[in-house]
Amino acid sequence: MSQLAPLTKRLYLTAALISTLCVVLFYADLADQLAFRRDLITEGQWWRLLTGNFLHTNDWHLLMNLAGLWVILLLHEQHYSATSLSVLVLSLGCMQGLGLLLFFPDTFGYVGLSGLLHGIFVFGAVMDTTKGFKIGYLLTLGVIAKVLYEQWFGASTELTALINATVATEAHLVGLLSGFICLAPMLVCKRMKK
């Protein structure tokens, strides 16, 4: 069995640190201080735009989001380094919070990694297409179809019951669009190099 390359080890260490942050924040019960809360953000608590992404409503919510993070990384690890993943997570997290604040005035509170995960997923899927992997087109269309379905029909009642909260489908939309926005500079740079 071959050993992981140093760059891959650093990528997985970064993912482990993100996972650990989510677990620590969940069990430290810091939602009152860190959750996305529109009223407190408008009063100047801007950190909540980012930190709300790393909080969760219950164990199932946390486990599903962390499983999603690891599955996405295993699926698209060739497109990420530790640095690019860190920058992408911070960028998507901030865009997620700003998007909810600016475009969804009815969203008063939000916690969870799922919006950010939609951005990471679409980023990796489109990167697949740039490397000639045809599955990237199917993955991109699939996540767009999922998010559009949620916008019209909402999330399943089973998922809502499992996480003990309303599924913020608007966060999935913001995450998806943010992923495309994060792709733009990279694709432009690739074109310019050619």
C-alpha atoms as a PDB file:
ATOM      1  CA  MET A   1       0.000   0.000   0.000  1.00  0.00           C
ATOM      2  CA  SER A   2       1.486   3.325  -1.050  1.00  0.00           C
ATOM      3  CA  GLN A   3       1.786   6.282   1.251  1.00  0.00           C
ATOM      4  CA  LEU A   4      -0.125   9.505   0.688  1.00  0.00           C
ATOM      5  CA  ALA A   5       1.806  12.283  -1.020  1.00  0.00           C
ATOM      6  CA  PRO A   6       2.760  15.184   1.291  1.00  0.00           C
ATOM      7  CA  LEU A   7       0.340  17.553  -0.510  1.00  0.00           C
ATOM      8  CA  THR A   8      -2.531  15.088  -0.050  1.00  0.00           C
ATOM      9  CA  LYS A   9      -1.638  14.662   3.618  1.00  0.00           C
ATOM     10  CA  ARG A  10      -1.829  18.433   4.114  1.00  0.00           C
ATOM     11  CA  LEU A  11      -5.176  18.552   2.312  1.00  0.00           C
ATOM     12  CA  TYR A  12      -6.608  15.868   4.590  1.00  0.00           C
ATOM     13  CA  LEU A  13      -5.116  17.572   7.642  1.00  0.00           C
ATOM     14  CA  THR A  14      -6.895  20.789   6.596  1.00  0.00           C
ATOM     15  CA  ALA A  15     -10.173  18.874   6.223  1.00  0.00           C
ATOM     16  CA  ALA A  16      -9.581  17.290   9.634  1.00  0.00           C
ATOM     17  CA  LEU A  17      -9.051  20.757  11.142  1.00  0.00           C
ATOM     18  CA  ILE A  18     -12.303  22.037   9.580  1.00  0.00           C
ATOM     19  CA  SER A  19     -14.098  18.968  10.928  1.00  0.00           C
ATOM     20  CA  THR A  20     -12.558  19.425  14.371  1.00  0.00           C
ATOM     21  CA  LEU A  21     -13.596  23.097  14.391  1.00  0.00           C
ATOM     22  CA  CYS A  22     -17.195  22.084  13.653  1.00  0.00           C
ATOM     23  CA  VAL A  23     -17.175  19.421  16.384  1.00  0.00           C
ATOM     24  CA  VAL A  24     -15.579  21.716  18.996  1.00  0.00           C
ATOM     25  CA  LEU A  25     -17.989  24.572  18.243  1.00  0.00           C
ATOM     26  CA  PHE A  26     -20.948  22.191  18.407  1.00  0.00           C
ATOM     27  CA  TYR A  27     -20.040  20.682  21.746  1.00  0.00           C
ATOM     28  CA  ALA A  28     -18.918  24.027  23.188  1.00  0.00           C
ATOM     29  CA  ASP A  29     -22.496  25.213  22.600  1.00  0.00           C
ATOM     30  CA  LEU A  30     -21.483  28.570  21.143  1.00  0.00           C
ATOM     31  CA  ALA A  31     -24.515  29.145  18.927  1.00  0.00           C
ATOM     32  CA  ASP A  32     -25.543  32.213  20.939  1.00  0.00           C
ATOM     33  CA  GLN A  33     -22.184  33.843  20.234  1.00  0.00           C
ATOM     34  CA  LEU A  34     -21.495  32.627  16.673  1.00  0.00           C
ATOM     35  CA  ALA A  35     -24.661  31.695  14.744  1.00  0.00           C
ATOM     36  CA  PHE A  36     -25.808  33.739  11.756  1.00  0.00           C
ATOM     37  CA  ARG A  37     -28.368  36.077  13.288  1.00  0.00           C
ATOM     38  CA  ARG A  38     -29.532  38.897  11.048  1.00  0.00           C
ATOM     39  CA  ASP A  39     -30.411  41.250  13.902  1.00  0.00           C
ATOM     40  CA  LEU A  40     -27.010  40.892  15.574  1.00  0.00           C
ATOM     41  CA  ILE A  41     -25.074  41.112  12.300  1.00  0.00           C
ATOM     42  CA  THR A  42     -26.755  44.418  11.479  1.00  0.00           C
ATOM     43  CA  GLU A  43     -25.721  45.629  14.947  1.00  0.00           C
ATOM     44  CA  GLY A  44     -22.066  45.018  14.059  1.00  0.00           C
ATOM     45  CA  GLN A  45     -21.384  41.360  14.892  1.00  0.00           C
ATOM     46  CA  TRP A  46     -19.963  40.699  11.411  1.00  0.00           C
ATOM     47  CA  TRP A  47     -18.082  37.506  12.373  1.00  0.00           C
ATOM     48  CA  ARG A  48     -21.448  35.730  12.372  1.00  0.00           C
ATOM     49  CA  LEU A  49     -21.458  35.937   8.558  1.00  0.00           C
ATOM     50  CA  LEU A  50     -18.681  33.319   8.580  1.00  0.00           C
ATOM     51  CA  THR A  51     -18.956  31.485  11.885  1.00  0.00           C
ATOM     52  CA  GLY A  52     -22.579  30.418  11.448  1.00  0.00           C
ATOM     53  CA  ASN A  53     -21.412  28.017   8.735  1.00  0.00           C
ATOM     54  CA  PHE A  54     -19.477  25.941  11.257  1.00  0.00           C
ATOM     55  CA  LEU A  55     -22.321  25.429  13.751  1.00  0.00           C
ATOM     56  CA  HIS A  56     -25.003  22.718  13.668  1.00  0.00           C
ATOM     57  CA  THR A  57     -28.420  22.084  15.178  1.00  0.00           C
ATOM     58  CA  ASN A  58     -27.859  18.518  16.381  1.00  0.00           C
ATOM     59  CA  ASP A  59     -25.625  15.436  16.054  1.00  0.00           C
ATOM     60  CA  TRP A  60     -27.279  14.287  12.822  1.00  0.00           C
ATOM     61  CA  HIS A  61     -26.841  17.693  11.211  1.00  0.00           C
ATOM     62  CA  LEU A  62     -23.168  17.729  12.194  1.00  0.00           C
ATOM     63  CA  LEU A  63     -22.528  14.151  11.025  1.00  0.00           C
ATOM     64  CA  MET A  64     -24.279  14.641   7.673  1.00  0.00           C
ATOM     65  CA  ASN A  65     -22.381  17.845   6.937  1.00  0.00           C
ATOM     66  CA  LEU A  66     -18.998  16.390   7.912  1.00  0.00           C
ATOM     67  CA  ALA A  67     -19.685  13.252   5.872  1.00  0.00           C
ATOM     68  CA  GLY A  68     -20.549  15.511   2.931  1.00  0.00           C
ATOM     69  CA  LEU A  69     -17.283  17.408   3.319  1.00  0.00           C
ATOM     70  CA  TRP A  70     -15.211  14.222   3.271  1.00  0.00           C
ATOM     71  CA  VAL A  71     -17.103  12.654   0.366  1.00  0.00           C
ATOM     72  CA  ILE A  72     -16.653  15.812  -1.723  1.00  0.00           C
ATOM     73  CA  LEU A  73     -12.941  15.949  -0.917  1.00  0.00           C
ATOM     74  CA  LEU A  74     -12.439  12.285  -1.767  1.00  0.00           C
ATOM     75  CA  LEU A  75     -14.326  12.807  -5.018  1.00  0.00           C
ATOM     76  CA  HIS A  76     -12.364  15.903  -6.090  1.00  0.00           C
ATOM     77  CA  GLU A  77      -9.127  15.822  -4.079  1.00  0.00           C
ATOM     78  CA  GLN A  78      -7.036  16.315  -7.223  1.00  0.00           C
ATOM     79  CA  HIS A  79      -8.396  19.868  -7.550  1.00  0.00           C
ATOM     80  CA  TYR A  80      -7.419  21.053  -4.069  1.00  0.00           C
ATOM     81  CA  SER A  81      -4.381  21.787  -1.992  1.00  0.00           C
ATOM     82  CA  ALA A  82      -4.489  22.624   1.705  1.00  0.00           C
ATOM     83  CA  THR A  83      -4.139  26.309   0.856  1.00  0.00           C
ATOM     84  CA  SER A  84      -6.732  26.368  -1.925  1.00  0.00           C
ATOM     85  CA  LEU A  85      -9.233  24.468   0.229  1.00  0.00           C
ATOM     86  CA  SER A  86      -8.693  26.901   3.113  1.00  0.00           C
ATOM     87  CA  VAL A  87      -9.115  29.927   0.858  1.00  0.00           C
ATOM     88  CA  LEU A  88     -12.174  28.372  -0.782  1.00  0.00           C
ATOM     89  CA  VAL A  89     -13.829  27.550   2.563  1.00  0.00           C
ATOM     90  CA  LEU A  90     -13.211  31.063   3.927  1.00  0.00           C
ATOM     91  CA  SER A  91     -14.364  32.712   0.687  1.00  0.00           C
ATOM     92  CA  LEU A  92     -17.480  30.581   0.386  1.00  0.00           C
ATOM     93  CA  GLY A  93     -18.255  31.041   4.083  1.00  0.00           C
ATOM     94  CA  CYS A  94     -18.116  34.814   3.810  1.00  0.00           C
ATOM     95  CA  MET A  95     -20.079  34.844   0.550  1.00  0.00           C
ATOM     96  CA  GLN A  96     -22.654  32.532   2.137  1.00  0.00           C
ATOM     97  CA  GLY A  97     -23.232  34.916   5.021  1.00  0.00           C
ATOM     98  CA  LEU A  98     -23.311  38.018   2.810  1.00  0.00           C
ATOM     99  CA  GLY A  99     -25.620  36.343   0.304  1.00  0.00           C
ATOM    100  CA  LEU A 100     -28.122  35.414   2.991  1.00  0.00           C
ATOM    101  CA  LEU A 101     -27.883  38.872   4.560  1.00  0.00           C
ATOM    102  CA  LEU A 102     -28.322  40.816   1.318  1.00  0.00           C
ATOM    103  CA  PHE A 103     -30.697  38.690  -0.746  1.00  0.00           C
ATOM    104  CA  PHE A 104     -32.808  36.724   1.739  1.00  0.00           C
ATOM    105  CA  PRO A 105     -34.268  39.207   4.234  1.00  0.00           C
ATOM    106  CA  ASP A 106     -36.626  36.557   5.629  1.00  0.00           C
ATOM    107  CA  THR A 107     -33.675  34.442   6.789  1.00  0.00           C
ATOM    108  CA  PHE A 108     -33.176  35.571  10.369  1.00  0.00           C
ATOM    109  CA  GLY A 109     -30.968  32.716  11.532  1.00  0.00           C
ATOM    110  CA  TYR A 110     -28.775  30.066   9.950  1.00  0.00           C
ATOM    111  CA  VAL A 111     -26.288  27.411  10.995  1.00  0.00           C
ATOM    112  CA  GLY A 112     -24.697  24.628   9.002  1.00  0.00           C
ATOM    113  CA  LEU A 113     -22.024  23.729   6.517  1.00  0.00           C
ATOM    114  CA  SER A 114     -24.384  22.609   3.753  1.00  0.00           C
ATOM    115  CA  GLY A 115     -24.496  25.876   1.803  1.00  0.00           C
ATOM    116  CA  LEU A 116     -20.720  26.023   1.774  1.00  0.00           C
ATOM    117  CA  LEU A 117     -20.609  22.339   0.744  1.00  0.00           C
ATOM    118  CA  HIS A 118     -22.727  23.084  -2.313  1.00  0.00           C
ATOM    119  CA  GLY A 119     -20.112  25.659  -3.324  1.00  0.00           C
ATOM    120  CA  ILE A 120     -17.212  23.232  -2.830  1.00  0.00           C
ATOM    121  CA  PHE A 121     -19.095  20.537  -4.749  1.00  0.00           C
ATOM    122  CA  VAL A 122     -19.839  22.694  -7.796  1.00  0.00           C
ATOM    123  CA  PHE A 123     -16.276  24.017  -7.741  1.00  0.00           C
ATOM    124  CA  GLY A 124     -14.898  20.475  -7.921  1.00  0.00           C
ATOM    125  CA  ALA A 125     -17.439  19.348 -10.527  1.00  0.00           C
ATOM    126  CA  VAL A 126     -16.613  22.218 -12.876  1.00  0.00           C
ATOM    127  CA  MET A 127     -12.887  21.642 -12.308  1.00  0.00           C
ATOM    128  CA  ASP A 128     -13.524  18.051 -13.449  1.00  0.00           C
ATOM    129  CA  THR A 129     -14.797  19.398 -16.755  1.00  0.00           C
ATOM    130  CA  THR A 130     -11.670  21.534 -17.230  1.00  0.00           C
ATOM    131  CA  LYS A 131      -9.521  18.414 -16.781  1.00  0.00           C
ATOM    132  CA  GLY A 132     -11.538  16.518 -19.394  1.00  0.00           C
ATOM    133  CA  PHE A 133     -13.570  14.400 -16.958  1.00  0.00           C
ATOM    134  CA  LYS A 134     -17.004  14.169 -18.564  1.00  0.00           C
ATOM    135  CA  ILE A 135     -18.600  13.161 -15.232  1.00  0.00           C
ATOM    136  CA  GLY A 136     -18.078  16.780 -14.168  1.00  0.00           C
ATOM    137  CA  TYR A 137     -20.856  17.899 -16.522  1.00  0.00           C
ATOM    138  CA  LEU A 138     -23.267  15.385 -15.004  1.00  0.00           C
ATOM    139  CA  LEU A 139     -22.301  16.355 -11.436  1.00  0.00           C
ATOM    140  CA  THR A 140     -22.696  20.061 -12.221  1.00  0.00           C
ATOM    141  CA  LEU A 141     -26.114  19.588 -13.817  1.00  0.00           C
ATOM    142  CA  GLY A 142     -27.148  17.288 -10.970  1.00  0.00           C
ATOM    143  CA  VAL A 143     -26.356  19.781  -8.209  1.00  0.00           C
ATOM    144  CA  ILE A 144     -28.035  22.603 -10.152  1.00  0.00           C
ATOM    145  CA  ALA A 145     -31.158  20.428 -10.592  1.00  0.00           C
ATOM    146  CA  LYS A 146     -31.146  19.540  -6.866  1.00  0.00           C
ATOM    147  CA  VAL A 147     -30.926  23.171  -5.790  1.00  0.00           C
ATOM    148  CA  LEU A 148     -33.624  24.285  -8.253  1.00  0.00           C
ATOM    149  CA  TYR A 149     -35.891  21.468  -7.065  1.00  0.00           C
ATOM    150  CA  GLU A 150     -35.422  22.650  -3.474  1.00  0.00           C
ATOM    151  CA  GLN A 151     -36.290  26.218  -4.439  1.00  0.00           C
ATOM    152  CA  TRP A 152     -39.644  25.123  -5.841  1.00  0.00           C
ATOM    153  CA  PHE A 153     -40.585  22.212  -3.600  1.00  0.00           C
ATOM    154  CA  GLY A 154     -38.512  22.698  -0.453  1.00  0.00           C
ATOM    155  CA  ALA A 155     -36.517  20.095   1.444  1.00  0.00           C
ATOM    156  CA  SER A 156     -37.898  16.744   2.491  1.00  0.00           C
ATOM    157  CA  THR A 157     -39.871  16.594   5.727  1.00  0.00           C
ATOM    158  CA  GLU A 158     -37.693  13.660   6.809  1.00  0.00           C
ATOM    159  CA  LEU A 159     -34.528  15.751   6.578  1.00  0.00           C
ATOM    160  CA  THR A 160     -36.196  18.620   8.418  1.00  0.00           C
ATOM    161  CA  ALA A 161     -37.176  16.240  11.224  1.00  0.00           C
ATOM    162  CA  LEU A 162     -33.719  14.641  11.322  1.00  0.00           C
ATOM    163  CA  ILE A 163     -31.838  17.909  11.815  1.00  0.00           C
ATOM    164  CA  ASN A 164     -34.582  19.363  14.020  1.00  0.00           C
ATOM    165  CA  ALA A 165     -34.684  22.596  12.003  1.00  0.00           C
ATOM    166  CA  THR A 166     -35.982  24.044   8.788  1.00  0.00           C
ATOM    167  CA  VAL A 167     -33.582  23.211   5.968  1.00  0.00           C
ATOM    168  CA  ALA A 168     -32.243  26.511   4.644  1.00  0.00           C
ATOM    169  CA  THR A 169     -32.605  25.779   0.942  1.00  0.00           C
ATOM    170  CA  GLU A 170     -31.746  29.408   0.232  1.00  0.00           C
ATOM    171  CA  ALA A 171     -28.305  28.697   1.725  1.00  0.00           C
ATOM    172  CA  HIS A 172     -27.846  25.892  -0.796  1.00  0.00           C
ATOM    173  CA  LEU A 173     -28.659  28.323  -3.608  1.00  0.00           C
ATOM    174  CA  VAL A 174     -26.247  30.945  -2.268  1.00  0.00           C
ATOM    175  CA  GLY A 175     -23.563  28.289  -1.835  1.00  0.00           C
ATOM    176  CA  LEU A 176     -24.020  27.023  -5.373  1.00  0.00           C
ATOM    177  CA  LEU A 177     -23.823  30.521  -6.872  1.00  0.00           C
ATOM    178  CA  SER A 178     -20.838  31.359  -4.650  1.00  0.00           C
ATOM    179  CA  GLY A 179     -19.041  28.268  -5.947  1.00  0.00           C
ATOM    180  CA  PHE A 180     -19.505  29.502  -9.504  1.00  0.00           C
ATOM    181  CA  ILE A 181     -18.268  32.959  -8.506  1.00  0.00           C
ATOM    182  CA  CYS A 182     -15.138  31.442  -6.918  1.00  0.00           C
ATOM    183  CA  LEU A 183     -14.499  29.513 -10.134  1.00  0.00           C
ATOM    184  CA  ALA A 184     -14.520  32.616 -12.330  1.00  0.00           C
ATOM    185  CA  PRO A 185     -11.045  34.002 -11.463  1.00  0.00           C
ATOM    186  CA  MET A 186      -9.474  30.553 -11.740  1.00  0.00           C
ATOM    187  CA  LEU A 187     -11.006  29.864 -15.152  1.00  0.00           C
ATOM    188  CA  VAL A 188     -10.001  33.318 -16.411  1.00  0.00           C
ATOM    189  CA  CYS A 189      -6.399  32.727 -15.284  1.00  0.00           C
ATOM    190  CA  LYS A 190      -6.359  29.329 -17.023  1.00  0.00           C
ATOM    191  CA  ARG A 191      -7.573  30.904 -20.267  1.00  0.00           C
ATOM    192  CA  MET A 192      -4.974  33.651 -20.050  1.00  0.00           C
ATOM    193  CA  LYS A 193      -2.177  31.098 -19.572  1.00  0.00           C
ATOM    194  CA  LYS A 194      -3.277  29.288 -22.745  1.00  0.00           C
END
